[in-house]
Protein backbone atom coordinates (compact mmCIF):
# COMPACT_ATOMS: atom_id res chain seq x y z
CA MET A 1 0.00 0.00 0.00
CA SER A 2 3.07 2.27 -0.02
CA LEU A 3 2.05 3.92 -3.29
CA LEU A 4 -1.04 5.27 -1.58
CA ARG A 5 0.95 7.09 1.11
CA ASP A 6 3.48 9.91 1.14
CA GLU A 7 7.16 9.08 0.78
CA ASN A 8 8.22 7.03 3.81
CA LEU A 9 11.58 8.01 5.29
CA GLY A 10 11.47 5.41 8.04
CA GLY A 11 10.51 7.85 10.77
CA ARG A 12 13.39 10.21 10.04
CA GLU A 13 12.66 13.90 9.80
CA ARG A 14 12.47 14.97 6.17
CA PRO A 15 15.33 17.37 5.37
CA ARG A 16 14.49 20.90 4.34
CA PRO A 17 14.36 21.00 0.53
CA THR A 18 16.58 23.26 -1.51
CA LEU A 19 14.95 25.56 -4.06
CA HIS A 20 16.65 25.57 -7.46
CA GLU A 21 16.19 27.85 -10.47
CA LEU A 22 16.43 26.42 -13.98
CA ARG A 23 16.15 29.02 -16.73
CA ALA A 24 15.55 27.93 -20.30
CA THR A 25 18.55 28.99 -22.38
CA PRO A 26 20.26 27.59 -25.49
CA GLU A 27 22.59 25.72 -23.09
CA THR A 28 19.92 24.25 -20.79
CA VAL A 29 17.42 23.03 -23.38
CA HIS A 30 17.46 20.09 -25.78
CA TRP A 31 15.21 20.45 -28.78
CA GLY A 32 13.29 17.46 -30.06
CA TYR A 33 14.68 14.59 -28.01
CA PHE A 34 15.37 12.79 -24.75
CA SER A 35 18.86 11.37 -24.28
CA ALA A 36 20.52 9.24 -21.62
CA SER A 37 23.90 10.65 -22.62
CA ARG A 38 23.11 14.35 -22.39
CA ALA A 39 24.92 16.17 -19.56
CA PRO A 40 22.59 17.43 -16.83
CA SER A 41 21.58 21.07 -16.78
CA LEU A 42 20.96 20.80 -13.03
CA ARG A 43 21.74 18.37 -10.18
CA VAL A 44 19.40 18.10 -7.21
CA ALA A 45 18.67 15.90 -4.21
CA SER A 46 15.50 13.93 -3.62
CA GLY A 47 12.93 16.28 -2.08
CA ASP A 48 14.31 19.42 -3.70
CA ILE A 49 12.04 21.98 -5.37
CA ILE A 50 12.74 23.38 -8.82
CA ARG A 51 11.41 26.52 -10.44
CA ALA A 52 11.91 25.99 -14.18
CA GLU A 53 10.95 27.60 -17.46
CA ALA A 54 9.13 25.55 -20.11
CA VAL A 55 9.18 27.17 -23.56
CA THR A 56 6.81 26.38 -26.41
CA HIS A 57 8.26 25.53 -29.80
CA HIS A 58 5.23 27.35 -31.30
CA ALA A 59 6.28 30.78 -30.03
CA GLY A 60 7.10 31.67 -33.64
CA ASP A 61 3.42 31.43 -34.64
CA ALA A 62 3.00 34.97 -33.26
CA PRO A 63 6.50 36.12 -32.30
CA GLU A 64 5.41 39.65 -31.40
CA LEU A 65 3.05 38.19 -28.77
CA MET A 66 4.65 34.89 -27.72
CA MET A 67 8.36 35.73 -27.60
CA ASP A 68 10.44 37.77 -25.20
CA ALA A 69 14.20 38.27 -25.45
CA SER A 70 15.03 35.02 -23.65
CA VAL A 71 12.71 32.94 -25.83
CA GLN A 72 14.13 34.61 -28.92
CA ALA A 73 17.63 33.69 -27.73
CA ILE A 74 16.67 29.98 -27.73
CA PHE A 75 15.26 30.16 -31.25
CA ASP A 76 18.41 32.01 -32.39
CA GLY A 77 20.84 29.86 -30.39
CA VAL A 78 19.70 26.31 -31.24
CA PRO A 79 20.43 25.61 -34.92
CA ILE A 80 17.62 24.13 -37.01
CA GLU A 81 19.77 21.08 -37.75
CA ASP A 82 19.98 20.40 -33.98
CA ARG A 83 16.18 20.30 -33.56
CA ASN A 84 15.57 16.60 -34.09
CA PRO A 85 14.28 13.96 -34.30
CA GLY A 86 11.22 15.43 -32.54
CA VAL A 87 9.89 18.97 -32.24
CA HIS A 88 9.55 19.99 -28.57
CA ILE A 89 11.85 22.31 -26.62
CA LEU A 90 12.73 20.45 -23.40
CA THR A 91 14.32 22.12 -20.37
CA GLY A 92 16.82 19.91 -18.56
CA PRO A 93 17.74 17.24 -17.99
CA ILE A 94 17.74 17.28 -14.20
CA HIS A 95 19.91 14.68 -12.46
CA ILE A 96 18.38 13.49 -9.16
CA GLU A 97 20.96 12.24 -6.71
CA GLY A 98 20.71 8.52 -6.02
CA ALA A 99 18.04 7.71 -8.61
CA LYS A 100 18.65 4.30 -10.18
CA PRO A 101 16.89 2.11 -12.76
CA GLY A 102 13.98 0.37 -11.05
CA ASP A 103 13.21 3.37 -8.83
CA ILE A 104 10.18 5.60 -9.31
CA LEU A 105 10.54 9.35 -9.75
CA GLU A 106 7.66 11.14 -8.04
CA VAL A 107 7.05 14.62 -9.45
CA ARG A 108 4.70 16.88 -7.53
CA TYR A 109 3.61 19.71 -9.81
CA LEU A 110 3.02 22.67 -7.53
CA GLN A 111 2.45 25.67 -9.79
CA MET A 112 2.16 26.45 -13.51
CA THR A 113 1.95 30.07 -14.60
CA PRO A 114 1.71 31.38 -18.18
CA ARG A 115 4.86 33.28 -19.08
CA LEU A 116 3.06 35.52 -21.56
CA ARG A 117 -0.65 36.10 -22.16
CA TYR A 118 -0.82 34.47 -25.59
CA GLY A 119 -0.83 30.98 -27.05
CA SER A 120 -1.23 29.28 -30.41
CA ASN A 121 -3.30 26.40 -31.75
CA LEU A 122 -2.19 24.90 -35.05
CA ALA A 123 -4.56 22.82 -37.17
CA ALA A 124 -1.63 20.83 -38.53
CA HIS A 125 -0.97 18.29 -41.25
CA TRP A 126 -0.57 15.66 -38.52
CA GLY A 127 -4.04 16.52 -37.18
CA HIS A 128 -6.72 13.85 -37.25
CA LEU A 129 -8.95 15.56 -39.83
CA TYR A 130 -6.31 17.23 -42.01
CA ARG A 131 -7.55 15.41 -45.13
CA ASP A 132 -10.95 17.03 -44.62
CA PHE A 133 -9.46 20.54 -44.58
CA GLY A 134 -6.39 20.32 -46.80
CA LYS A 135 -4.67 23.29 -45.19
CA GLU A 136 -3.04 24.36 -41.95
CA ARG A 137 -4.47 27.18 -39.82
CA VAL A 138 -3.10 29.04 -36.81
CA THR A 139 -5.44 30.47 -34.17
CA ILE A 140 -3.95 32.83 -31.57
CA TYR A 141 -5.56 32.95 -28.13
CA ARG A 142 -5.25 35.50 -25.33
CA VAL A 143 -5.51 34.62 -21.63
CA ASP A 144 -7.89 36.56 -19.40
CA GLU A 145 -6.14 36.14 -16.06
CA ALA A 146 -9.06 37.47 -14.01
CA CYS A 147 -11.53 34.97 -15.47
CA GLN A 148 -9.02 32.18 -16.12
CA THR A 149 -10.30 31.78 -19.65
CA ALA A 150 -8.80 32.14 -23.11
CA GLU A 151 -10.39 33.64 -26.21
CA ALA A 152 -9.28 33.68 -29.83
CA VAL A 153 -8.01 37.07 -31.02
CA PHE A 154 -7.25 36.20 -34.65
CA ALA A 155 -6.41 33.37 -37.04
CA TYR A 156 -4.47 32.98 -40.27
CA ASP A 157 -3.81 30.27 -42.82
CA PHE A 158 -0.28 28.91 -42.49
CA PRO A 159 1.66 29.15 -45.75
CA GLY A 160 2.42 25.61 -46.90
CA LYS A 161 3.12 22.94 -44.28
CA TYR A 162 4.52 23.42 -40.78
CA GLU A 163 7.56 21.15 -41.08
CA VAL A 164 10.51 22.99 -39.46
CA PRO A 165 10.39 22.92 -35.62
CA GLY A 166 10.31 26.47 -34.36
CA THR A 167 9.21 28.08 -37.62
CA ILE A 168 8.80 31.84 -37.20
CA THR A 169 5.90 33.26 -39.18
CA THR A 170 5.42 37.00 -39.59
CA GLU A 171 1.93 37.06 -41.04
CA LYS A 172 0.62 40.29 -42.51
CA GLU A 173 -2.25 42.16 -40.89
CA CYS A 174 -4.24 41.69 -44.08
CA CYS A 175 -4.03 37.91 -43.66
CA ARG A 176 -5.56 37.88 -40.20
CA MET A 177 -9.18 36.88 -39.78
CA PRO A 178 -11.53 36.86 -36.80
CA ALA A 179 -12.11 33.56 -35.03
CA LEU A 180 -14.49 32.13 -32.44
CA ARG A 181 -16.13 35.42 -31.55
CA GLY A 182 -17.64 35.35 -28.07
CA VAL A 183 -16.25 31.90 -27.26
CA ARG A 184 -14.17 31.41 -24.11
CA VAL A 185 -12.39 28.23 -23.08
CA PRO A 186 -11.18 27.38 -19.56
CA VAL A 187 -7.48 27.90 -18.89
CA ARG A 188 -5.87 24.75 -17.48
CA PRO A 189 -2.07 25.07 -17.75
CA HIS A 190 -0.23 21.76 -18.02
CA LEU A 191 2.79 20.08 -19.54
CA GLY A 192 2.21 18.14 -22.72
CA THR A 193 5.67 16.57 -22.48
CA ALA A 194 7.72 15.62 -19.42
CA GLY A 195 9.62 12.54 -18.41
CA VAL A 196 12.83 10.75 -17.65
CA ALA A 197 15.51 9.70 -20.14
CA PRO A 198 14.80 6.34 -21.80
CA ASP A 199 17.43 3.62 -21.55
CA ALA A 200 18.26 3.76 -25.25
CA PRO A 201 21.24 4.83 -27.33
CA GLY A 202 21.31 8.23 -29.00
CA ARG A 203 18.40 10.58 -29.28
CA VAL A 204 14.85 9.41 -28.60
CA SER A 205 12.20 11.55 -30.30
CA SER A 206 10.12 13.79 -28.08
CA ILE A 207 7.00 13.12 -30.17
CA PRO A 208 5.74 9.65 -29.09
CA PRO A 209 4.85 8.99 -25.45
CA GLY A 210 6.19 5.88 -23.75
CA LYS A 211 7.16 4.19 -20.50
CA HIS A 212 9.50 7.12 -19.78
CA GLY A 213 6.62 9.61 -20.00
CA GLY A 214 7.34 12.01 -22.82
CA ASN A 215 4.56 13.48 -24.93
CA ILE A 216 1.60 12.12 -22.96
CA ASP A 217 -0.61 15.19 -23.64
CA ASN A 218 -2.93 14.62 -20.69
CA TRP A 219 -4.25 18.06 -19.68
CA ARG A 220 -4.59 16.91 -16.07
CA ILE A 221 -0.79 16.97 -15.61
CA GLY A 222 -1.01 20.44 -14.10
CA ALA A 223 -0.64 22.16 -10.75
CA GLY A 224 -1.85 20.00 -7.87
CA SER A 225 -1.19 16.71 -9.64
CA THR A 226 1.56 14.16 -9.02
CA MET A 227 3.21 11.99 -11.67
CA PHE A 228 5.14 8.80 -11.07
CA TYR A 229 7.72 7.92 -13.77
CA PRO A 230 9.70 4.63 -13.86
CA VAL A 231 13.40 5.56 -13.71
CA GLN A 232 15.39 4.00 -16.54
CA VAL A 233 18.91 5.46 -16.19
CA ASP A 234 21.13 6.69 -13.36
CA GLY A 235 20.02 10.09 -12.11
CA ALA A 236 16.64 9.75 -13.89
CA LEU A 237 17.50 12.77 -16.11
CA PHE A 238 14.11 14.46 -15.93
CA SER A 239 13.05 17.12 -18.46
CA ILE A 240 9.94 19.26 -19.06
CA GLY A 241 8.52 20.92 -22.16
CA ASP A 242 5.62 21.28 -24.59
CA PRO A 243 3.72 23.63 -22.25
CA HIS A 244 0.00 24.22 -22.87
CA ILE A 245 -2.62 26.54 -21.42
CA SER A 246 -5.58 24.43 -22.55
CA GLN A 247 -6.37 21.23 -24.41
CA GLY A 248 -9.24 18.84 -24.93
CA ASP A 249 -8.92 15.07 -24.78
CA GLY A 250 -7.85 13.91 -28.23
CA GLU A 251 -5.93 17.09 -29.21
CA ILE A 252 -7.62 16.45 -32.54
CA SER A 253 -6.32 19.34 -34.69
CA GLY A 254 -2.70 18.53 -33.89
CA THR A 255 -1.86 20.86 -31.00
CA ALA A 256 -3.31 22.34 -27.83
CA ILE A 257 -3.11 26.05 -27.04
CA GLU A 258 0.67 26.07 -27.00
CA ALA A 259 2.13 28.66 -24.61
CA SER A 260 5.24 28.96 -22.45
CA LEU A 261 4.89 28.30 -18.71
CA ASP A 262 6.87 28.90 -15.54
CA VAL A 263 6.66 25.67 -13.55
CA ILE A 264 7.39 24.81 -9.91
CA PHE A 265 7.70 21.15 -8.98
CA GLN A 266 9.22 18.89 -6.31
CA LEU A 267 11.10 15.66 -7.02
CA PHE A 268 11.31 12.51 -4.89
CA VAL A 269 13.10 9.23 -5.50
CA ARG A 270 10.81 6.38 -4.43
CA ARG A 271 12.01 2.82 -3.76
CA ASP A 272 9.03 1.54 -1.80
CA PHE A 273 6.95 0.50 -4.81
CA GLN A 274 7.15 -0.14 -8.54
CA PHE A 275 4.84 0.61 -11.44
CA PRO A 276 5.33 -0.24 -15.11
CA SER A 277 4.26 3.04 -16.76
CA PRO A 278 3.63 6.74 -16.05
CA LEU A 279 0.99 7.03 -13.35
CA LEU A 280 -0.98 10.19 -12.49
CA ARG A 281 -2.51 11.14 -9.16
CA THR A 282 -4.88 14.11 -9.06
CA ALA A 283 -6.76 15.52 -6.09
CA ASN A 284 -9.54 12.95 -6.51
CA SER A 285 -8.41 10.23 -8.88
CA TRP A 286 -5.76 7.87 -10.23
CA MET A 287 -4.99 7.60 -13.94
CA THR A 288 -3.05 4.96 -15.81
CA HIS A 289 -1.88 5.40 -19.41
CA GLY A 290 -1.56 3.15 -22.42
CA PHE A 291 0.28 3.99 -25.65
CA ASP A 292 0.40 2.31 -29.04
CA GLU A 293 0.00 3.06 -32.73
CA ASP A 294 -3.12 0.89 -32.47
CA LEU A 295 -5.71 2.52 -30.19
CA ASP A 296 -7.06 -0.92 -29.19
CA LEU A 297 -3.61 -1.90 -27.92
CA ALA A 298 -3.28 1.42 -26.10
CA MET A 299 -6.61 0.62 -24.43
CA ARG A 300 -5.31 -2.79 -23.40
CA GLY A 301 -2.16 -1.24 -21.92
CA ALA A 302 -4.12 1.28 -19.84
CA SER A 303 -6.47 -1.51 -18.72
CA LEU A 304 -3.73 -3.89 -17.61
CA ASP A 305 -1.96 -1.12 -15.70
CA MET A 306 -5.22 -0.11 -13.98
CA LEU A 307 -5.68 -3.78 -13.10
CA GLU A 308 -2.21 -3.75 -11.54
CA LEU A 309 -2.96 -0.57 -9.59
CA LEU A 310 -6.12 -2.09 -8.12
CA THR A 311 -4.67 -5.51 -7.32
CA GLU A 312 -1.18 -4.60 -6.15
CA HIS A 313 -1.89 -1.33 -4.34
CA TYR A 314 -5.55 -1.60 -3.31
CA ARG A 315 -5.28 -5.38 -2.72
CA LEU A 316 -8.38 -6.27 -4.72
CA SER A 317 -8.70 -9.66 -6.31
CA ARG A 318 -8.37 -9.72 -10.10
CA ASP A 319 -12.06 -10.55 -10.46
CA ASP A 320 -13.12 -7.71 -8.15
CA ALA A 321 -10.76 -5.28 -9.85
CA TYR A 322 -12.08 -6.21 -13.30
CA SER A 323 -15.65 -5.62 -12.17
CA LEU A 324 -14.74 -2.26 -10.63
CA MET A 325 -12.95 -1.21 -13.81
CA SER A 326 -16.14 -1.80 -15.80
CA VAL A 327 -18.50 0.05 -13.47
CA ALA A 328 -16.34 2.86 -12.07
CA THR A 329 -13.36 3.47 -14.37
CA ASP A 330 -13.55 5.95 -17.25
CA PHE A 331 -11.44 5.19 -20.30
CA SER A 332 -10.76 8.17 -22.57
CA VAL A 333 -8.63 9.02 -25.58
CA THR A 334 -5.72 11.19 -24.46
CA GLN A 335 -4.49 12.07 -27.94
CA VAL A 336 -4.60 10.72 -31.49
CA VAL A 337 -1.98 12.97 -33.14
CA ASP A 338 1.42 11.81 -31.88
CA GLY A 339 1.81 8.69 -34.01
CA ARG A 340 1.75 6.55 -30.87
CA GLN A 341 -1.79 7.18 -29.62
CA GLY A 342 -2.86 7.38 -26.00
CA ILE A 343 -5.62 6.13 -23.71
CA HIS A 344 -5.99 7.12 -20.07
CA ALA A 345 -8.02 5.22 -17.47
CA ARG A 346 -9.39 7.20 -14.53
CA ILE A 347 -10.77 5.89 -11.26
CA CYS A 348 -12.05 8.21 -8.54
CA THR A 349 -10.50 7.65 -5.10
CA ALA A 350 -13.89 8.31 -3.44
CA VAL A 351 -14.99 4.77 -4.33
CA PHE A 352 -12.51 3.32 -1.82
CA PRO A 353 -12.82 3.29 1.97
CA PRO A 354 -10.91 6.16 3.65
CA ASP A 355 -8.13 3.91 4.99
CA GLY A 356 -7.42 2.77 1.41
CA GLN A 357 -6.32 6.23 0.28
């Protein structure tokens, strides 16, 4: 039942955590990949708190609104030929002292704040319905901080295909068009991509999600949530990126509202339990994730991991767990646009007796 409790330090007083700052610069980001061989941008101890910058690779969709001098420096300082094989700007990696393969990295996301008031949604050629539209379209949104909503301020048709990560588009005023007049969407800042380095040679693309985390695109990975990532290499080498200010399940057009975030999180190395895939804890639920190019197989992966959560950590029998999964677990499509598609399974903690939480 250790997964269901806070980190257990055997009765010892937990040491006071150190607060670290990790700015996103050309030297502290890696664009488009995770790598077990990349030198850490920061070294911390278990329990430390990090205040880090997560920068969107879509800042160039409206550079006058979505870039400041520091963001511009990243776009200028990381050559296009070094932005591969994926597309996301990742801040890190962070080496956590003592983390070893087989451990679990617990990440408590404490705060996520938009860096600027604007974000971009791209209806992209990798979007689910691109064949029905035959073009790419950018919609720029503005955040209303008082209401915690976002509204579209203008849109434009992207010239050609968005194929170069970090493309900067200076669209003309005459090309702008109104969009979604009167519509407001809730702001729910979260990280589309975050995770540990996979145990694999060379660069691993930031686009597909996997056992290491990566591009999960679950909008619930925001402030107040906790993620558990299986550590695969020494030090875990944790990175964050692909920040969003809102997204629906499915991310059907190809992106969320992409916008840079300032993120505060706390890291713990856990050795008192194991779990096979990225696991999410929110204020009132648990979520398991399944990934595969085949959505049916992604569903099976999320189901088997939920079965493991219920049997190994809530001590239900397999038969009881299977019944509970059918009557109380919600299975939803996380995203269908990252090549490797995602399913998340959610069970509310209120269904369990209080001593089981």
